[in-house]
């Protein structure tokens, strides 16, 4: 049976550890990288090392940044009364693309998931509570965790925890996407669509 040379096999193994990358995709990526000119391959390797070395977590919102506090937290033009709680740094990027929200963020770096042994202490929840104590100007928290079982559980947990402080808590709407068909929607999506129905 054919075996890849050790260095190629290791590259495929490492690429296969990336989320959403199966063994076939890892092989394709590995062979693509090997087909690059030396300068291009070095640039790729250097960009990975630099991204890892130069980024840190913002001491305020826990988002990835090169400057602390991050550009969003240090921007006086943002609405510092609004705080949007998301699961991952990529969620901040997605929300910023719509150019509709101008408040601040807090990144949890995960969601509560008892099945995966991820509890409240395993996400950036403590940092959120300290932030709420230190910043009395925060008047509303928008829970923008994903519309999944874990995302919903996290939103409910946060809501119960924060409600006694008197801060307004809202949850982003979720339900059927435009152009979607009812027959292809899962039970949670349909339930959320019914919960979020509006009078016409």
C-alpha atoms as a PDB file:
ATOM      1  CA  UNK A   1       0.000   0.000   0.000  1.00  0.00           C
ATOM      2  CA  UNK A   2       1.326   3.449  -0.978  1.00  0.00           C
ATOM      3  CA  UNK A   3       2.377   5.751   1.846  1.00  0.00           C
ATOM      4  CA  UNK A   4       3.056   9.467   1.591  1.00  0.00           C
ATOM      5  CA  UNK A   5       6.532  10.656   2.572  1.00  0.00           C
ATOM      6  CA  UNK A   6       6.608  11.562   6.287  1.00  0.00           C
ATOM      7  CA  UNK A   7       6.729  15.324   5.754  1.00  0.00           C
ATOM      8  CA  UNK A   8       3.697  15.245   3.412  1.00  0.00           C
ATOM      9  CA  UNK A   9       1.791  12.864   5.699  1.00  0.00           C
ATOM     10  CA  UNK A  10       2.390  15.227   8.636  1.00  0.00           C
ATOM     11  CA  UNK A  11       1.190  18.224   6.593  1.00  0.00           C
ATOM     12  CA  UNK A  12      -1.984  16.325   5.624  1.00  0.00           C
ATOM     13  CA  UNK A  13      -2.552  15.313   9.267  1.00  0.00           C
ATOM     14  CA  UNK A  14      -2.188  18.899  10.493  1.00  0.00           C
ATOM     15  CA  UNK A  15      -4.472  20.298   7.773  1.00  0.00           C
ATOM     16  CA  UNK A  16      -7.009  17.560   8.593  1.00  0.00           C
ATOM     17  CA  UNK A  17      -7.265  18.928  12.158  1.00  0.00           C
ATOM     18  CA  UNK A  18      -8.819  22.144  10.823  1.00  0.00           C
ATOM     19  CA  UNK A  19     -12.615  22.381  11.249  1.00  0.00           C
ATOM     20  CA  UNK A  20     -14.605  21.197   8.253  1.00  0.00           C
ATOM     21  CA  UNK A  21     -11.546  19.681   6.561  1.00  0.00           C
ATOM     22  CA  UNK A  22     -11.781  15.966   5.805  1.00  0.00           C
ATOM     23  CA  UNK A  23      -8.908  13.729   4.727  1.00  0.00           C
ATOM     24  CA  UNK A  24      -9.508  14.255   0.986  1.00  0.00           C
ATOM     25  CA  UNK A  25      -9.651  18.041   1.320  1.00  0.00           C
ATOM     26  CA  UNK A  26      -6.543  17.950   3.540  1.00  0.00           C
ATOM     27  CA  UNK A  27      -4.708  16.029   0.791  1.00  0.00           C
ATOM     28  CA  UNK A  28      -5.834  18.526  -1.877  1.00  0.00           C
ATOM     29  CA  UNK A  29      -4.699  21.465   0.255  1.00  0.00           C
ATOM     30  CA  UNK A  30      -1.370  19.791   1.008  1.00  0.00           C
ATOM     31  CA  UNK A  31      -0.641  19.158  -2.675  1.00  0.00           C
ATOM     32  CA  UNK A  32      -1.707  22.699  -3.529  1.00  0.00           C
ATOM     33  CA  UNK A  33       0.719  24.068  -0.937  1.00  0.00           C
ATOM     34  CA  UNK A  34       3.491  21.848  -2.315  1.00  0.00           C
ATOM     35  CA  UNK A  35       2.814  23.176  -5.825  1.00  0.00           C
ATOM     36  CA  UNK A  36       3.372  26.793  -4.707  1.00  0.00           C
ATOM     37  CA  UNK A  37       6.572  28.639  -5.485  1.00  0.00           C
ATOM     38  CA  UNK A  38       8.923  28.768  -2.489  1.00  0.00           C
ATOM     39  CA  UNK A  39       8.194  32.454  -1.924  1.00  0.00           C
ATOM     40  CA  UNK A  40       4.411  31.883  -1.893  1.00  0.00           C
ATOM     41  CA  UNK A  41       4.730  28.921   0.488  1.00  0.00           C
ATOM     42  CA  UNK A  42       6.969  30.976   2.789  1.00  0.00           C
ATOM     43  CA  UNK A  43       4.464  33.848   2.751  1.00  0.00           C
ATOM     44  CA  UNK A  44       1.664  31.465   3.730  1.00  0.00           C
ATOM     45  CA  UNK A  45       3.714  29.959   6.569  1.00  0.00           C
ATOM     46  CA  UNK A  46       4.826  33.414   7.721  1.00  0.00           C
ATOM     47  CA  UNK A  47       1.263  34.770   7.728  1.00  0.00           C
ATOM     48  CA  UNK A  48       0.124  31.876   9.951  1.00  0.00           C
ATOM     49  CA  UNK A  49       3.006  32.425  12.388  1.00  0.00           C
ATOM     50  CA  UNK A  50       2.484  36.222  12.422  1.00  0.00           C
ATOM     51  CA  UNK A  51      -1.276  35.939  12.952  1.00  0.00           C
ATOM     52  CA  UNK A  52      -0.678  33.615  15.901  1.00  0.00           C
ATOM     53  CA  UNK A  53       2.117  35.782  17.338  1.00  0.00           C
ATOM     54  CA  UNK A  54       0.576  39.235  16.849  1.00  0.00           C
ATOM     55  CA  UNK A  55      -3.044  38.680  17.846  1.00  0.00           C
ATOM     56  CA  UNK A  56      -4.304  38.646  21.408  1.00  0.00           C
ATOM     57  CA  UNK A  57      -7.665  38.911  23.129  1.00  0.00           C
ATOM     58  CA  UNK A  58      -9.036  42.393  23.809  1.00  0.00           C
ATOM     59  CA  UNK A  59      -9.116  42.900  27.577  1.00  0.00           C
ATOM     60  CA  UNK A  60     -12.599  44.447  27.237  1.00  0.00           C
ATOM     61  CA  UNK A  61     -14.561  42.335  24.732  1.00  0.00           C
ATOM     62  CA  UNK A  62     -12.347  39.222  24.326  1.00  0.00           C
ATOM     63  CA  UNK A  63     -12.335  39.612  20.529  1.00  0.00           C
ATOM     64  CA  UNK A  64      -9.129  38.924  18.587  1.00  0.00           C
ATOM     65  CA  UNK A  65      -7.055  42.048  18.133  1.00  0.00           C
ATOM     66  CA  UNK A  66      -3.552  43.392  17.551  1.00  0.00           C
ATOM     67  CA  UNK A  67      -4.182  46.436  19.794  1.00  0.00           C
ATOM     68  CA  UNK A  68      -5.612  46.402  23.315  1.00  0.00           C
ATOM     69  CA  UNK A  69      -8.300  47.599  23.672  1.00  0.00           C
ATOM     70  CA  UNK A  70      -9.486  46.657  20.182  1.00  0.00           C
ATOM     71  CA  UNK A  71     -10.553  49.290  17.599  1.00  0.00           C
ATOM     72  CA  UNK A  72     -14.262  48.693  18.332  1.00  0.00           C
ATOM     73  CA  UNK A  73     -13.975  49.064  22.126  1.00  0.00           C
ATOM     74  CA  UNK A  74     -11.777  52.168  21.813  1.00  0.00           C
ATOM     75  CA  UNK A  75     -14.066  53.851  19.259  1.00  0.00           C
ATOM     76  CA  UNK A  76     -15.908  56.737  20.952  1.00  0.00           C
ATOM     77  CA  UNK A  77     -18.374  56.919  18.053  1.00  0.00           C
ATOM     78  CA  UNK A  78     -19.786  53.471  18.929  1.00  0.00           C
ATOM     79  CA  UNK A  79     -22.822  53.279  21.222  1.00  0.00           C
ATOM     80  CA  UNK A  80     -21.310  52.201  24.551  1.00  0.00           C
ATOM     81  CA  UNK A  81     -24.776  51.604  26.035  1.00  0.00           C
ATOM     82  CA  UNK A  82     -25.325  48.582  23.754  1.00  0.00           C
ATOM     83  CA  UNK A  83     -23.491  45.282  24.183  1.00  0.00           C
ATOM     84  CA  UNK A  84     -23.966  42.410  21.734  1.00  0.00           C
ATOM     85  CA  UNK A  85     -22.909  38.986  23.058  1.00  0.00           C
ATOM     86  CA  UNK A  86     -21.696  36.485  20.436  1.00  0.00           C
ATOM     87  CA  UNK A  87     -20.102  33.048  20.523  1.00  0.00           C
ATOM     88  CA  UNK A  88     -17.027  33.498  18.298  1.00  0.00           C
ATOM     89  CA  UNK A  89     -14.827  36.257  16.791  1.00  0.00           C
ATOM     90  CA  UNK A  90     -16.129  35.327  13.316  1.00  0.00           C
ATOM     91  CA  UNK A  91     -19.634  36.335  14.520  1.00  0.00           C
ATOM     92  CA  UNK A  92     -18.386  39.894  15.117  1.00  0.00           C
ATOM     93  CA  UNK A  93     -17.101  39.990  11.532  1.00  0.00           C
ATOM     94  CA  UNK A  94     -20.485  38.759  10.230  1.00  0.00           C
ATOM     95  CA  UNK A  95     -22.458  41.376  12.204  1.00  0.00           C
ATOM     96  CA  UNK A  96     -20.090  44.194  11.241  1.00  0.00           C
ATOM     97  CA  UNK A  97     -20.630  43.376   7.549  1.00  0.00           C
ATOM     98  CA  UNK A  98     -24.296  44.385   7.737  1.00  0.00           C
ATOM     99  CA  UNK A  99     -23.278  47.881   8.927  1.00  0.00           C
ATOM    100  CA  UNK A 100     -26.477  48.240  10.999  1.00  0.00           C
ATOM    101  CA  UNK A 101     -25.213  47.662  14.527  1.00  0.00           C
ATOM    102  CA  UNK A 102     -23.032  50.355  16.105  1.00  0.00           C
ATOM    103  CA  UNK A 103     -22.695  49.197  19.698  1.00  0.00           C
ATOM    104  CA  UNK A 104     -20.008  47.103  21.398  1.00  0.00           C
ATOM    105  CA  UNK A 105     -19.473  43.330  21.532  1.00  0.00           C
ATOM    106  CA  UNK A 106     -18.526  40.607  23.960  1.00  0.00           C
ATOM    107  CA  UNK A 107     -17.133  37.335  22.573  1.00  0.00           C
ATOM    108  CA  UNK A 108     -17.776  34.220  24.688  1.00  0.00           C
ATOM    109  CA  UNK A 109     -15.446  31.904  22.715  1.00  0.00           C
ATOM    110  CA  UNK A 110     -17.968  29.092  22.824  1.00  0.00           C
ATOM    111  CA  UNK A 111     -21.381  28.105  24.107  1.00  0.00           C
ATOM    112  CA  UNK A 112     -22.559  26.113  27.097  1.00  0.00           C
ATOM    113  CA  UNK A 113     -22.744  22.454  26.054  1.00  0.00           C
ATOM    114  CA  UNK A 114     -23.229  19.848  28.802  1.00  0.00           C
ATOM    115  CA  UNK A 115     -22.866  17.050  26.210  1.00  0.00           C
ATOM    116  CA  UNK A 116     -19.329  18.288  25.432  1.00  0.00           C
ATOM    117  CA  UNK A 117     -18.485  19.069  29.086  1.00  0.00           C
ATOM    118  CA  UNK A 118     -18.448  22.814  28.363  1.00  0.00           C
ATOM    119  CA  UNK A 119     -19.883  24.727  31.298  1.00  0.00           C
ATOM    120  CA  UNK A 120     -20.208  28.452  32.089  1.00  0.00           C
ATOM    121  CA  UNK A 121     -16.677  28.462  33.510  1.00  0.00           C
ATOM    122  CA  UNK A 122     -15.252  27.312  30.152  1.00  0.00           C
ATOM    123  CA  UNK A 123     -16.394  30.378  28.199  1.00  0.00           C
ATOM    124  CA  UNK A 124     -15.703  34.110  28.700  1.00  0.00           C
ATOM    125  CA  UNK A 125     -18.684  34.553  31.022  1.00  0.00           C
ATOM    126  CA  UNK A 126     -16.740  35.722  34.068  1.00  0.00           C
ATOM    127  CA  UNK A 127     -15.168  38.453  31.925  1.00  0.00           C
ATOM    128  CA  UNK A 128     -18.646  39.546  30.820  1.00  0.00           C
ATOM    129  CA  UNK A 129     -19.916  39.836  34.410  1.00  0.00           C
ATOM    130  CA  UNK A 130     -16.830  41.832  35.478  1.00  0.00           C
ATOM    131  CA  UNK A 131     -17.365  44.109  32.476  1.00  0.00           C
ATOM    132  CA  UNK A 132     -20.983  44.757  33.467  1.00  0.00           C
ATOM    133  CA  UNK A 133     -19.846  45.692  36.989  1.00  0.00           C
ATOM    134  CA  UNK A 134     -17.151  48.043  35.677  1.00  0.00           C
ATOM    135  CA  UNK A 135     -19.287  49.720  32.993  1.00  0.00           C
ATOM    136  CA  UNK A 136     -22.552  51.045  34.392  1.00  0.00           C
ATOM    137  CA  UNK A 137     -23.204  52.836  31.077  1.00  0.00           C
ATOM    138  CA  UNK A 138     -24.291  49.494  29.513  1.00  0.00           C
ATOM    139  CA  UNK A 139     -28.106  49.618  29.340  1.00  0.00           C
ATOM    140  CA  UNK A 140     -28.951  46.773  26.941  1.00  0.00           C
ATOM    141  CA  UNK A 141     -27.458  43.386  26.203  1.00  0.00           C
ATOM    142  CA  UNK A 142     -28.325  41.776  22.876  1.00  0.00           C
ATOM    143  CA  UNK A 143     -27.890  38.011  22.992  1.00  0.00           C
ATOM    144  CA  UNK A 144     -26.724  36.969  19.516  1.00  0.00           C
ATOM    145  CA  UNK A 145     -25.668  33.404  20.245  1.00  0.00           C
ATOM    146  CA  UNK A 146     -26.336  30.924  17.435  1.00  0.00           C
ATOM    147  CA  UNK A 147     -29.865  29.504  16.999  1.00  0.00           C
ATOM    148  CA  UNK A 148     -28.720  26.016  18.027  1.00  0.00           C
ATOM    149  CA  UNK A 149     -29.508  23.954  21.124  1.00  0.00           C
ATOM    150  CA  UNK A 150     -26.239  25.110  22.747  1.00  0.00           C
ATOM    151  CA  UNK A 151     -26.724  28.716  21.625  1.00  0.00           C
ATOM    152  CA  UNK A 152     -30.257  28.775  23.048  1.00  0.00           C
ATOM    153  CA  UNK A 153     -29.105  27.194  26.330  1.00  0.00           C
ATOM    154  CA  UNK A 154     -26.371  29.832  26.624  1.00  0.00           C
ATOM    155  CA  UNK A 155     -28.825  32.663  25.901  1.00  0.00           C
ATOM    156  CA  UNK A 156     -31.286  31.392  28.541  1.00  0.00           C
ATOM    157  CA  UNK A 157     -28.481  30.990  31.102  1.00  0.00           C
ATOM    158  CA  UNK A 158     -27.163  34.509  30.441  1.00  0.00           C
ATOM    159  CA  UNK A 159     -30.655  35.988  30.567  1.00  0.00           C
ATOM    160  CA  UNK A 160     -31.342  34.474  33.999  1.00  0.00           C
ATOM    161  CA  UNK A 161     -27.959  35.560  35.275  1.00  0.00           C
ATOM    162  CA  UNK A 162     -28.149  39.175  34.064  1.00  0.00           C
ATOM    163  CA  UNK A 163     -31.863  39.941  34.585  1.00  0.00           C
ATOM    164  CA  UNK A 164     -31.471  40.801  38.319  1.00  0.00           C
ATOM    165  CA  UNK A 165     -29.050  43.635  37.389  1.00  0.00           C
ATOM    166  CA  UNK A 166     -31.891  45.554  35.715  1.00  0.00           C
ATOM    167  CA  UNK A 167     -30.085  45.705  32.363  1.00  0.00           C
ATOM    168  CA  UNK A 168     -32.449  45.237  29.401  1.00  0.00           C
ATOM    169  CA  UNK A 169     -31.878  41.882  27.713  1.00  0.00           C
ATOM    170  CA  UNK A 170     -32.956  41.164  24.134  1.00  0.00           C
ATOM    171  CA  UNK A 171     -32.451  38.193  21.823  1.00  0.00           C
ATOM    172  CA  UNK A 172     -31.902  38.448  18.077  1.00  0.00           C
ATOM    173  CA  UNK A 173     -34.821  37.085  16.074  1.00  0.00           C
ATOM    174  CA  UNK A 174     -34.445  33.767  14.339  1.00  0.00           C
ATOM    175  CA  UNK A 175     -36.640  31.671  12.095  1.00  0.00           C
ATOM    176  CA  UNK A 176     -37.126  30.925   8.440  1.00  0.00           C
ATOM    177  CA  UNK A 177     -34.749  32.560   5.953  1.00  0.00           C
ATOM    178  CA  UNK A 178     -36.156  34.507   3.004  1.00  0.00           C
ATOM    179  CA  UNK A 179     -36.680  32.129   0.093  1.00  0.00           C
ATOM    180  CA  UNK A 180     -36.678  29.071   2.381  1.00  0.00           C
ATOM    181  CA  UNK A 181     -39.207  26.210   2.224  1.00  0.00           C
ATOM    182  CA  UNK A 182     -41.126  25.020   5.292  1.00  0.00           C
ATOM    183  CA  UNK A 183     -40.588  21.349   4.424  1.00  0.00           C
ATOM    184  CA  UNK A 184     -36.795  21.724   4.722  1.00  0.00           C
ATOM    185  CA  UNK A 185     -36.805  23.621   8.031  1.00  0.00           C
ATOM    186  CA  UNK A 186     -35.903  21.808  11.245  1.00  0.00           C
ATOM    187  CA  UNK A 187     -38.138  21.826  14.345  1.00  0.00           C
ATOM    188  CA  UNK A 188     -36.144  24.486  16.235  1.00  0.00           C
ATOM    189  CA  UNK A 189     -36.208  26.885  13.257  1.00  0.00           C
ATOM    190  CA  UNK A 190     -39.968  26.419  12.819  1.00  0.00           C
ATOM    191  CA  UNK A 191     -40.603  26.886  16.545  1.00  0.00           C
ATOM    192  CA  UNK A 192     -38.559  30.100  16.543  1.00  0.00           C
ATOM    193  CA  UNK A 193     -40.405  31.355  13.458  1.00  0.00           C
ATOM    194  CA  UNK A 194     -43.722  30.862  15.268  1.00  0.00           C
ATOM    195  CA  UNK A 195     -42.431  32.504  18.463  1.00  0.00           C
ATOM    196  CA  UNK A 196     -41.229  35.531  16.500  1.00  0.00           C
ATOM    197  CA  UNK A 197     -44.378  35.993  14.441  1.00  0.00           C
ATOM    198  CA  UNK A 198     -45.668  39.559  13.957  1.00  0.00           C
ATOM    199  CA  UNK A 199     -49.151  41.006  13.543  1.00  0.00           C
ATOM    200  CA  UNK A 200     -49.666  42.322  10.001  1.00  0.00           C
END
